[in-house]
Amino acid sequence: IVFCVLHLENYKFIRSPITYKVSNLPPEIAALENDLSRQQDVD
């Protein structure tokens, strides 16, 4: 995810984070994914 976001920026793309309900997702991983998105995500 991090490397794809970096290269999307290099190619002047705007990223659109997409989410879905993940079962058994540890809170620390959820927090990490929020940090990775850095913008409003869409279900």
ModelCIF file with pLDDT and N, C-alpha, C, O atoms, coordinates in Angstrom:
data_MODEL
#
_entry.id   MODEL 
#
_entity.id                         1 
_entity.type                       polymer 
_entity.pdbx_number_of_molecules   1 
#
_entity_poly.entity_id                      1 
_entity_poly.type                           'polypeptide(L)' 
_entity_poly.nstd_linkage                   no 
_entity_poly.nstd_monomer                   no 
_entity_poly.pdbx_seq_one_letter_code       IVFCVLHLENYKFIRSPITYKVSNLPPEIAALENDLSRQQDVD 
_entity_poly.pdbx_seq_one_letter_code_can   IVFCVLHLENYKFIRSPITYKVSNLPPEIAALENDLSRQQDVD 
_entity_poly.pdbx_strand_id                 A 
#
loop_
_entity_poly_seq.entity_id 
_entity_poly_seq.num 
_entity_poly_seq.mon_id 
_entity_poly_seq.hetero 
1 1  ILE n 
1 2  VAL n 
1 3  PHE n 
1 4  CYS n 
1 5  VAL n 
1 6  LEU n 
1 7  HIS n 
1 8  LEU n 
1 9  GLU n 
1 10 ASN n 
1 11 TYR n 
1 12 LYS n 
1 13 PHE n 
1 14 ILE n 
1 15 ARG n 
1 16 SER n 
1 17 PRO n 
1 18 ILE n 
1 19 THR n 
1 20 TYR n 
1 21 LYS n 
1 22 VAL n 
1 23 SER n 
1 24 ASN n 
1 25 LEU n 
1 26 PRO n 
1 27 PRO n 
1 28 GLU n 
1 29 ILE n 
1 30 ALA n 
1 31 ALA n 
1 32 LEU n 
1 33 GLU n 
1 34 ASN n 
1 35 ASP n 
1 36 LEU n 
1 37 SER n 
1 38 ARG n 
1 39 GLN n 
1 40 GLN n 
1 41 ASP n 
1 42 VAL n 
1 43 ASP n 
#
_struct_asym.id          A 
_struct_asym.entity_id   1 
#
loop_
_ma_qa_metric.id 
_ma_qa_metric.mode 
_ma_qa_metric.name 
_ma_qa_metric.software_group_id 
_ma_qa_metric.type 
1 global pLDDT . pLDDT 
2 local  pLDDT . pLDDT 
#
_ma_qa_metric_global.metric_id      1 
_ma_qa_metric_global.metric_value   79.63 
_ma_qa_metric_global.model_id       1 
_ma_qa_metric_global.ordinal_id     1 
#
loop_
_ma_qa_metric_local.label_asym_id 
_ma_qa_metric_local.label_comp_id 
_ma_qa_metric_local.label_seq_id 
_ma_qa_metric_local.metric_id 
_ma_qa_metric_local.metric_value 
_ma_qa_metric_local.model_id 
_ma_qa_metric_local.ordinal_id 
A ILE 1  2 93.00 1 1  
A VAL 2  2 91.00 1 2  
A PHE 3  2 94.00 1 3  
A CYS 4  2 95.00 1 4  
A VAL 5  2 93.00 1 5  
A LEU 6  2 94.00 1 6  
A HIS 7  2 96.00 1 7  
A LEU 8  2 95.00 1 8  
A GLU 9  2 93.00 1 9  
A ASN 10 2 95.00 1 10 
A TYR 11 2 95.00 1 11 
A LYS 12 2 94.00 1 12 
A PHE 13 2 95.00 1 13 
A ILE 14 2 92.00 1 14 
A ARG 15 2 91.00 1 15 
A SER 16 2 91.00 1 16 
A PRO 17 2 91.00 1 17 
A ILE 18 2 92.00 1 18 
A THR 19 2 88.00 1 19 
A TYR 20 2 86.00 1 20 
A LYS 21 2 81.00 1 21 
A VAL 22 2 77.00 1 22 
A SER 23 2 70.00 1 23 
A ASN 24 2 68.00 1 24 
A LEU 25 2 64.00 1 25 
A PRO 26 2 64.00 1 26 
A PRO 27 2 65.00 1 27 
A GLU 28 2 63.00 1 28 
A ILE 29 2 63.00 1 29 
A ALA 30 2 63.00 1 30 
A ALA 31 2 63.00 1 31 
A LEU 32 2 63.00 1 32 
A GLU 33 2 61.00 1 33 
A ASN 34 2 65.00 1 34 
A ASP 35 2 65.00 1 35 
A LEU 36 2 64.00 1 36 
A SER 37 2 57.00 1 37 
A ARG 38 2 62.00 1 38 
A GLN 39 2 65.00 1 39 
A GLN 40 2 70.00 1 40 
A ASP 41 2 80.00 1 41 
A VAL 42 2 87.00 1 42 
A ASP 43 2 90.00 1 43 
#
loop_
_atom_site.group_PDB 
_atom_site.id 
_atom_site.type_symbol 
_atom_site.label_atom_id 
_atom_site.label_alt_id 
_atom_site.label_comp_id 
_atom_site.label_asym_id 
_atom_site.label_entity_id 
_atom_site.label_seq_id 
_atom_site.pdbx_PDB_ins_code 
_atom_site.Cartn_x 
_atom_site.Cartn_y 
_atom_site.Cartn_z 
_atom_site.occupancy 
_atom_site.B_iso_or_equiv 
_atom_site.pdbx_formal_charge 
_atom_site.auth_seq_id 
_atom_site.auth_comp_id 
_atom_site.auth_asym_id 
_atom_site.auth_atom_id 
_atom_site.pdbx_PDB_model_num 
ATOM 1   N N  . ILE A 1 1  ? 0.837   -1.202 0.000   1.00 93.00 ? 1  ILE A N  1 
ATOM 2   C CA . ILE A 1 1  ? 0.000   0.000  0.000   1.00 93.00 ? 1  ILE A CA 1 
ATOM 3   C C  . ILE A 1 1  ? 0.870   1.250  0.000   1.00 93.00 ? 1  ILE A C  1 
ATOM 4   O O  . ILE A 1 1  ? 0.652   2.162  -0.798  1.00 93.00 ? 1  ILE A O  1 
ATOM 5   N N  . VAL A 1 2  ? 1.856   1.294  0.892   1.00 91.00 ? 2  VAL A N  1 
ATOM 6   C CA . VAL A 1 2  ? 2.721   2.472  0.991   1.00 91.00 ? 2  VAL A CA 1 
ATOM 7   C C  . VAL A 1 2  ? 3.465   2.719  -0.324  1.00 91.00 ? 2  VAL A C  1 
ATOM 8   O O  . VAL A 1 2  ? 3.497   3.846  -0.817  1.00 91.00 ? 2  VAL A O  1 
ATOM 9   N N  . PHE A 1 3  ? 4.053   1.682  -0.883  1.00 94.00 ? 3  PHE A N  1 
ATOM 10  C CA . PHE A 1 3  ? 4.826   1.854  -2.110  1.00 94.00 ? 3  PHE A CA 1 
ATOM 11  C C  . PHE A 1 3  ? 3.920   2.212  -3.303  1.00 94.00 ? 3  PHE A C  1 
ATOM 12  O O  . PHE A 1 3  ? 4.309   3.007  -4.159  1.00 94.00 ? 3  PHE A O  1 
ATOM 13  N N  . CYS A 1 4  ? 2.722   1.628  -3.356  1.00 95.00 ? 4  CYS A N  1 
ATOM 14  C CA . CYS A 1 4  ? 1.794   1.986  -4.433  1.00 95.00 ? 4  CYS A CA 1 
ATOM 15  C C  . CYS A 1 4  ? 1.363   3.447  -4.319  1.00 95.00 ? 4  CYS A C  1 
ATOM 16  O O  . CYS A 1 4  ? 1.285   4.156  -5.322  1.00 95.00 ? 4  CYS A O  1 
ATOM 17  N N  . VAL A 1 5  ? 1.087   3.892  -3.101  1.00 93.00 ? 5  VAL A N  1 
ATOM 18  C CA . VAL A 1 5  ? 0.704   5.293  -2.892  1.00 93.00 ? 5  VAL A CA 1 
ATOM 19  C C  . VAL A 1 5  ? 1.835   6.218  -3.339  1.00 93.00 ? 5  VAL A C  1 
ATOM 20  O O  . VAL A 1 5  ? 1.595   7.232  -3.995  1.00 93.00 ? 5  VAL A O  1 
ATOM 21  N N  . LEU A 1 6  ? 3.069   5.862  -2.980  1.00 94.00 ? 6  LEU A N  1 
ATOM 22  C CA . LEU A 1 6  ? 4.224   6.668  -3.385  1.00 94.00 ? 6  LEU A CA 1 
ATOM 23  C C  . LEU A 1 6  ? 4.313   6.776  -4.899  1.00 94.00 ? 6  LEU A C  1 
ATOM 24  O O  . LEU A 1 6  ? 4.495   7.870  -5.433  1.00 94.00 ? 6  LEU A O  1 
ATOM 25  N N  . HIS A 1 7  ? 4.188   5.656  -5.591  1.00 96.00 ? 7  HIS A N  1 
ATOM 26  C CA . HIS A 1 7  ? 4.323   5.675  -7.044  1.00 96.00 ? 7  HIS A CA 1 
ATOM 27  C C  . HIS A 1 7  ? 3.117   6.311  -7.724  1.00 96.00 ? 7  HIS A C  1 
ATOM 28  O O  . HIS A 1 7  ? 3.252   6.892  -8.801  1.00 96.00 ? 7  HIS A O  1 
ATOM 29  N N  . LEU A 1 8  ? 1.950   6.209  -7.116  1.00 95.00 ? 8  LEU A N  1 
ATOM 30  C CA . LEU A 1 8  ? 0.800   6.938  -7.652  1.00 95.00 ? 8  LEU A CA 1 
ATOM 31  C C  . LEU A 1 8  ? 1.080   8.439  -7.645  1.00 95.00 ? 8  LEU A C  1 
ATOM 32  O O  . LEU A 1 8  ? 0.776   9.141  -8.609  1.00 95.00 ? 8  LEU A O  1 
ATOM 33  N N  . GLU A 1 9  ? 1.658   8.917  -6.555  1.00 93.00 ? 9  GLU A N  1 
ATOM 34  C CA . GLU A 1 9  ? 2.001   10.333 -6.478  1.00 93.00 ? 9  GLU A CA 1 
ATOM 35  C C  . GLU A 1 9  ? 3.047   10.698 -7.530  1.00 93.00 ? 9  GLU A C  1 
ATOM 36  O O  . GLU A 1 9  ? 2.968   11.765 -8.140  1.00 93.00 ? 9  GLU A O  1 
ATOM 37  N N  . ASN A 1 10 ? 4.023   9.820  -7.744  1.00 95.00 ? 10 ASN A N  1 
ATOM 38  C CA . ASN A 1 10 ? 5.062   10.087 -8.737  1.00 95.00 ? 10 ASN A CA 1 
ATOM 39  C C  . ASN A 1 10 ? 4.481   10.225 -10.143 1.00 95.00 ? 10 ASN A C  1 
ATOM 40  O O  . ASN A 1 10 ? 4.998   10.973 -10.973 1.00 95.00 ? 10 ASN A O  1 
ATOM 41  N N  . TYR A 1 11 ? 3.395   9.489  -10.394 1.00 95.00 ? 11 TYR A N  1 
ATOM 42  C CA . TYR A 1 11 ? 2.745   9.564  -11.704 1.00 95.00 ? 11 TYR A CA 1 
ATOM 43  C C  . TYR A 1 11 ? 1.577   10.552 -11.724 1.00 95.00 ? 11 TYR A C  1 
ATOM 44  O O  . TYR A 1 11 ? 0.772   10.559 -12.655 1.00 95.00 ? 11 TYR A O  1 
ATOM 45  N N  . LYS A 1 12 ? 1.497   11.376 -10.694 1.00 94.00 ? 12 LYS A N  1 
ATOM 46  C CA . LYS A 1 12 ? 0.491   12.449 -10.614 1.00 94.00 ? 12 LYS A CA 1 
ATOM 47  C C  . LYS A 1 12 ? -0.944  11.924 -10.546 1.00 94.00 ? 12 LYS A C  1 
ATOM 48  O O  . LYS A 1 12 ? -1.876  12.582 -11.008 1.00 94.00 ? 12 LYS A O  1 
ATOM 49  N N  . PHE A 1 13 ? -1.108  10.742 -9.970  1.00 95.00 ? 13 PHE A N  1 
ATOM 50  C CA . PHE A 1 13 ? -2.447  10.222 -9.721  1.00 95.00 ? 13 PHE A CA 1 
ATOM 51  C C  . PHE A 1 13 ? -2.925  10.679 -8.346  1.00 95.00 ? 13 PHE A C  1 
ATOM 52  O O  . PHE A 1 13 ? -2.117  10.940 -7.455  1.00 95.00 ? 13 PHE A O  1 
ATOM 53  N N  . ILE A 1 14 ? -4.214  10.772 -8.184  1.00 92.00 ? 14 ILE A N  1 
ATOM 54  C CA . ILE A 1 14 ? -4.818  10.985 -6.873  1.00 92.00 ? 14 ILE A CA 1 
ATOM 55  C C  . ILE A 1 14 ? -5.319  9.640  -6.382  1.00 92.00 ? 14 ILE A C  1 
ATOM 56  O O  . ILE A 1 14 ? -6.056  8.960  -7.097  1.00 92.00 ? 14 ILE A O  1 
ATOM 57  N N  . ARG A 1 15 ? -4.940  9.247  -5.192  1.00 91.00 ? 15 ARG A N  1 
ATOM 58  C CA . ARG A 1 15 ? -5.389  7.967  -4.652  1.00 91.00 ? 15 ARG A CA 1 
ATOM 59  C C  . ARG A 1 15 ? -6.760  8.113  -4.018  1.00 91.00 ? 15 ARG A C  1 
ATOM 60  O O  . ARG A 1 15 ? -7.077  9.142  -3.421  1.00 91.00 ? 15 ARG A O  1 
ATOM 61  N N  . SER A 1 16 ? -7.559  7.085  -4.154  1.00 91.00 ? 16 SER A N  1 
ATOM 62  C CA . SER A 1 16 ? -8.888  7.043  -3.547  1.00 91.00 ? 16 SER A CA 1 
ATOM 63  C C  . SER A 1 16 ? -8.969  5.788  -2.685  1.00 91.00 ? 16 SER A C  1 
ATOM 64  O O  . SER A 1 16 ? -9.262  4.710  -3.203  1.00 91.00 ? 16 SER A O  1 
ATOM 65  N N  . PRO A 1 17 ? -8.713  5.904  -1.362  1.00 91.00 ? 17 PRO A N  1 
ATOM 66  C CA . PRO A 1 17 ? -8.716  4.730  -0.488  1.00 91.00 ? 17 PRO A CA 1 
ATOM 67  C C  . PRO A 1 17 ? -10.102 4.088  -0.401  1.00 91.00 ? 17 PRO A C  1 
ATOM 68  O O  . PRO A 1 17 ? -11.106 4.779  -0.227  1.00 91.00 ? 17 PRO A O  1 
ATOM 69  N N  . ILE A 1 18 ? -10.143 2.771  -0.523  1.00 92.00 ? 18 ILE A N  1 
ATOM 70  C CA . ILE A 1 18 ? -11.396 2.011  -0.483  1.00 92.00 ? 18 ILE A CA 1 
ATOM 71  C C  . ILE A 1 18 ? -11.337 1.048  0.694   1.00 92.00 ? 18 ILE A C  1 
ATOM 72  O O  . ILE A 1 18 ? -10.339 0.352  0.882   1.00 92.00 ? 18 ILE A O  1 
ATOM 73  N N  . THR A 1 19 ? -12.392 1.006  1.479   1.00 88.00 ? 19 THR A N  1 
ATOM 74  C CA . THR A 1 19 ? -12.416 0.139  2.651   1.00 88.00 ? 19 THR A CA 1 
ATOM 75  C C  . THR A 1 19 ? -13.576 -0.848 2.582   1.00 88.00 ? 19 THR A C  1 
ATOM 76  O O  . THR A 1 19 ? -14.494 -0.699 1.775   1.00 88.00 ? 19 THR A O  1 
ATOM 77  N N  . TYR A 1 20 ? -13.513 -1.834 3.424   1.00 86.00 ? 20 TYR A N  1 
ATOM 78  C CA . TYR A 1 20 ? -14.615 -2.773 3.620   1.00 86.00 ? 20 TYR A CA 1 
ATOM 79  C C  . TYR A 1 20 ? -14.492 -3.294 5.048   1.00 86.00 ? 20 TYR A C  1 
ATOM 80  O O  . TYR A 1 20 ? -13.468 -3.078 5.696   1.00 86.00 ? 20 TYR A O  1 
ATOM 81  N N  . LYS A 1 21 ? -15.491 -3.958 5.534   1.00 81.00 ? 21 LYS A N  1 
ATOM 82  C CA . LYS A 1 21 ? -15.468 -4.450 6.904   1.00 81.00 ? 21 LYS A CA 1 
ATOM 83  C C  . LYS A 1 21 ? -14.551 -5.659 7.003   1.00 81.00 ? 21 LYS A C  1 
ATOM 84  O O  . LYS A 1 21 ? -14.785 -6.682 6.360   1.00 81.00 ? 21 LYS A O  1 
ATOM 85  N N  . VAL A 1 22 ? -13.503 -5.534 7.817   1.00 77.00 ? 22 VAL A N  1 
ATOM 86  C CA . VAL A 1 22 ? -12.536 -6.606 7.998   1.00 77.00 ? 22 VAL A CA 1 
ATOM 87  C C  . VAL A 1 22 ? -12.791 -7.291 9.332   1.00 77.00 ? 22 VAL A C  1 
ATOM 88  O O  . VAL A 1 22 ? -12.878 -6.631 10.367  1.00 77.00 ? 22 VAL A O  1 
ATOM 89  N N  . SER A 1 23 ? -12.910 -8.606 9.308   1.00 70.00 ? 23 SER A N  1 
ATOM 90  C CA . SER A 1 23 ? -13.139 -9.344 10.545  1.00 70.00 ? 23 SER A CA 1 
ATOM 91  C C  . SER A 1 23 ? -11.839 -9.527 11.315  1.00 70.00 ? 23 SER A C  1 
ATOM 92  O O  . SER A 1 23 ? -10.770 -9.676 10.723  1.00 70.00 ? 23 SER A O  1 
ATOM 93  N N  . ASN A 1 24 ? -11.942 -9.514 12.648  1.00 68.00 ? 24 ASN A N  1 
ATOM 94  C CA . ASN A 1 24 ? -10.799 -9.770 13.536  1.00 68.00 ? 24 ASN A CA 1 
ATOM 95  C C  . ASN A 1 24 ? -9.609  -8.857 13.254  1.00 68.00 ? 24 ASN A C  1 
ATOM 96  O O  . ASN A 1 24 ? -8.459  -9.294 13.269  1.00 68.00 ? 24 ASN A O  1 
ATOM 97  N N  . LEU A 1 25 ? -9.904  -7.576 12.996  1.00 64.00 ? 25 LEU A N  1 
ATOM 98  C CA . LEU A 1 25 ? -8.832  -6.626 12.711  1.00 64.00 ? 25 LEU A CA 1 
ATOM 99  C C  . LEU A 1 25 ? -8.323  -6.014 14.016  1.00 64.00 ? 25 LEU A C  1 
ATOM 100 O O  . LEU A 1 25 ? -9.076  -5.312 14.690  1.00 64.00 ? 25 LEU A O  1 
ATOM 101 N N  . PRO A 1 26 ? -7.062  -6.262 14.392  1.00 64.00 ? 26 PRO A N  1 
ATOM 102 C CA . PRO A 1 26 ? -6.512  -5.680 15.615  1.00 64.00 ? 26 PRO A CA 1 
ATOM 103 C C  . PRO A 1 26 ? -6.578  -4.152 15.578  1.00 64.00 ? 26 PRO A C  1 
ATOM 104 O O  . PRO A 1 26 ? -6.384  -3.558 14.518  1.00 64.00 ? 26 PRO A O  1 
ATOM 105 N N  . PRO A 1 27 ? -6.845  -3.512 16.704  1.00 65.00 ? 27 PRO A N  1 
ATOM 106 C CA . PRO A 1 27 ? -6.954  -2.045 16.742  1.00 65.00 ? 27 PRO A CA 1 
ATOM 107 C C  . PRO A 1 27 ? -5.726  -1.333 16.197  1.00 65.00 ? 27 PRO A C  1 
ATOM 108 O O  . PRO A 1 27 ? -5.842  -0.297 15.542  1.00 65.00 ? 27 PRO A O  1 
ATOM 109 N N  . GLU A 1 28 ? -4.541  -1.892 16.470  1.00 63.00 ? 28 GLU A N  1 
ATOM 110 C CA . GLU A 1 28 ? -3.324  -1.223 16.005  1.00 63.00 ? 28 GLU A CA 1 
ATOM 111 C C  . GLU A 1 28 ? -3.214  -1.269 14.481  1.00 63.00 ? 28 GLU A C  1 
ATOM 112 O O  . GLU A 1 28 ? -2.665  -0.355 13.865  1.00 63.00 ? 28 GLU A O  1 
ATOM 113 N N  . ILE A 1 29 ? -3.736  -2.335 13.878  1.00 63.00 ? 29 ILE A N  1 
ATOM 114 C CA . ILE A 1 29 ? -3.725  -2.420 12.412  1.00 63.00 ? 29 ILE A CA 1 
ATOM 115 C C  . ILE A 1 29 ? -4.741  -1.441 11.824  1.00 63.00 ? 29 ILE A C  1 
ATOM 116 O O  . ILE A 1 29 ? -4.474  -0.803 10.805  1.00 63.00 ? 29 ILE A O  1 
ATOM 117 N N  . ALA A 1 30 ? -5.893  -1.326 12.458  1.00 63.00 ? 30 ALA A N  1 
ATOM 118 C CA . ALA A 1 30 ? -6.896  -0.359 12.005  1.00 63.00 ? 30 ALA A CA 1 
ATOM 119 C C  . ALA A 1 30 ? -6.337  1.057  12.053  1.00 63.00 ? 30 ALA A C  1 
ATOM 120 O O  . ALA A 1 30 ? -6.562  1.852  11.141  1.00 63.00 ? 30 ALA A O  1 
ATOM 121 N N  . ALA A 1 31 ? -5.602  1.370  13.130  1.00 63.00 ? 31 ALA A N  1 
ATOM 122 C CA . ALA A 1 31 ? -4.996  2.688  13.256  1.00 63.00 ? 31 ALA A CA 1 
ATOM 123 C C  . ALA A 1 31 ? -3.956  2.921  12.159  1.00 63.00 ? 31 ALA A C  1 
ATOM 124 O O  . ALA A 1 31 ? -3.864  4.013  11.599  1.00 63.00 ? 31 ALA A O  1 
ATOM 125 N N  . LEU A 1 32 ? -3.177  1.881  11.861  1.00 63.00 ? 32 LEU A N  1 
ATOM 126 C CA . LEU A 1 32 ? -2.180  1.980  10.801  1.00 63.00 ? 32 LEU A CA 1 
ATOM 127 C C  . LEU A 1 32 ? -2.841  2.247  9.457   1.00 63.00 ? 32 LEU A C  1 
ATOM 128 O O  . LEU A 1 32 ? -2.357  3.075  8.684   1.00 63.00 ? 32 LEU A O  1 
ATOM 129 N N  . GLU A 1 33 ? -3.939  1.560  9.169   1.00 61.00 ? 33 GLU A N  1 
ATOM 130 C CA . GLU A 1 33 ? -4.621  1.755  7.886   1.00 61.00 ? 33 GLU A CA 1 
ATOM 131 C C  . GLU A 1 33 ? -5.190  3.158  7.769   1.00 61.00 ? 33 GLU A C  1 
ATOM 132 O O  . GLU A 1 33 ? -5.194  3.737  6.683   1.00 61.00 ? 33 GLU A O  1 
ATOM 133 N N  . ASN A 1 34 ? -5.670  3.710  8.874   1.00 65.00 ? 34 ASN A N  1 
ATOM 134 C CA . ASN A 1 34 ? -6.148  5.094  8.851   1.00 65.00 ? 34 ASN A CA 1 
ATOM 135 C C  . ASN A 1 34 ? -5.009  6.047  8.524   1.00 65.00 ? 34 ASN A C  1 
ATOM 136 O O  . ASN A 1 34 ? -5.187  7.003  7.769   1.00 65.00 ? 34 ASN A O  1 
ATOM 137 N N  . ASP A 1 35 ? -3.833  5.781  9.098   1.00 65.00 ? 35 ASP A N  1 
ATOM 138 C CA . ASP A 1 35 ? -2.668  6.616  8.808   1.00 65.00 ? 35 ASP A CA 1 
ATOM 139 C C  . ASP A 1 35 ? -2.254  6.492  7.348   1.00 65.00 ? 35 ASP A C  1 
ATOM 140 O O  . ASP A 1 35 ? -1.841  7.474  6.731   1.00 65.00 ? 35 ASP A O  1 
ATOM 141 N N  . LEU A 1 36 ? -2.367  5.277  6.791   1.00 64.00 ? 36 LEU A N  1 
ATOM 142 C CA . LEU A 1 36 ? -1.983  5.069  5.399   1.00 64.00 ? 36 LEU A CA 1 
ATOM 143 C C  . LEU A 1 36 ? -2.918  5.806  4.448   1.00 64.00 ? 36 LEU A C  1 
ATOM 144 O O  . LEU A 1 36 ? -2.481  6.321  3.419   1.00 64.00 ? 36 LEU A O  1 
ATOM 145 N N  . SER A 1 37 ? -4.195  5.857  4.788   1.00 57.00 ? 37 SER A N  1 
ATOM 146 C CA . SER A 1 37 ? -5.165  6.493  3.897   1.00 57.00 ? 37 SER A CA 1 
ATOM 147 C C  . SER A 1 37 ? -4.908  7.991  3.789   1.00 57.00 ? 37 SER A C  1 
ATOM 148 O O  . SER A 1 37 ? -4.874  8.544  2.690   1.00 57.00 ? 37 SER A O  1 
ATOM 149 N N  . ARG A 1 38 ? -4.727  8.640  4.926   1.00 62.00 ? 38 ARG A N  1 
ATOM 150 C CA . ARG A 1 38 ? -4.441  10.069 4.972   1.00 62.00 ? 38 ARG A CA 1 
ATOM 151 C C  . ARG A 1 38 ? -5.493  10.945 4.311   1.00 62.00 ? 38 ARG A C  1 
ATOM 152 O O  . ARG A 1 38 ? -5.259  12.130 4.074   1.00 62.00 ? 38 ARG A O  1 
ATOM 153 N N  . GLN A 1 39 ? -6.629  10.376 4.018   1.00 65.00 ? 39 GLN A N  1 
ATOM 154 C CA . GLN A 1 39 ? -7.726  11.145 3.448   1.00 65.00 ? 39 GLN A CA 1 
ATOM 155 C C  . GLN A 1 39 ? -9.013  10.337 3.583   1.00 65.00 ? 39 GLN A C  1 
ATOM 156 O O  . GLN A 1 39 ? -8.979  9.175  3.987   1.00 65.00 ? 39 GLN A O  1 
ATOM 157 N N  . GLN A 1 40 ? -10.123 10.939 3.253   1.00 70.00 ? 40 GLN A N  1 
ATOM 158 C CA . GLN A 1 40 ? -11.414 10.284 3.417   1.00 70.00 ? 40 GLN A CA 1 
ATOM 159 C C  . GLN A 1 40 ? -11.509 9.043  2.534   1.00 70.00 ? 40 GLN A C  1 
ATOM 160 O O  . GLN A 1 40 ? -11.309 9.104  1.321   1.00 70.00 ? 40 GLN A O  1 
ATOM 161 N N  . ASP A 1 41 ? -11.817 7.921  3.173   1.00 80.00 ? 41 ASP A N  1 
ATOM 162 C CA . ASP A 1 41 ? -11.960 6.701  2.381   1.00 80.00 ? 41 ASP A CA 1 
ATOM 163 C C  . ASP A 1 41 ? -13.426 6.446  2.053   1.00 80.00 ? 41 ASP A C  1 
ATOM 164 O O  . ASP A 1 41 ? -14.324 7.082  2.606   1.00 80.00 ? 41 ASP A O  1 
ATOM 165 N N  . VAL A 1 42 ? -13.648 5.504  1.145   1.00 87.00 ? 42 VAL A N  1 
ATOM 166 C CA . VAL A 1 42 ? -14.997 5.186  0.667   1.00 87.00 ? 42 VAL A CA 1 
ATOM 167 C C  . VAL A 1 42 ? -15.237 3.703  0.856   1.00 87.00 ? 42 VAL A C  1 
ATOM 168 O O  . VAL A 1 42 ? -14.373 2.885  0.539   1.00 87.00 ? 42 VAL A O  1 
ATOM 169 N N  . ASP A 1 43 ? -16.404 3.349  1.373   1.00 90.00 ? 43 ASP A N  1 
ATOM 170 C CA . ASP A 1 43 ? -16.740 1.931  1.521   1.00 90.00 ? 43 ASP A CA 1 
ATOM 171 C C  . ASP A 1 43 ? -16.885 1.295  0.143   1.00 90.00 ? 43 ASP A C  1 
ATOM 172 O O  . ASP A 1 43 ? -17.167 0.101  0.041   1.00 90.00 ? 43 ASP A O  1 
#
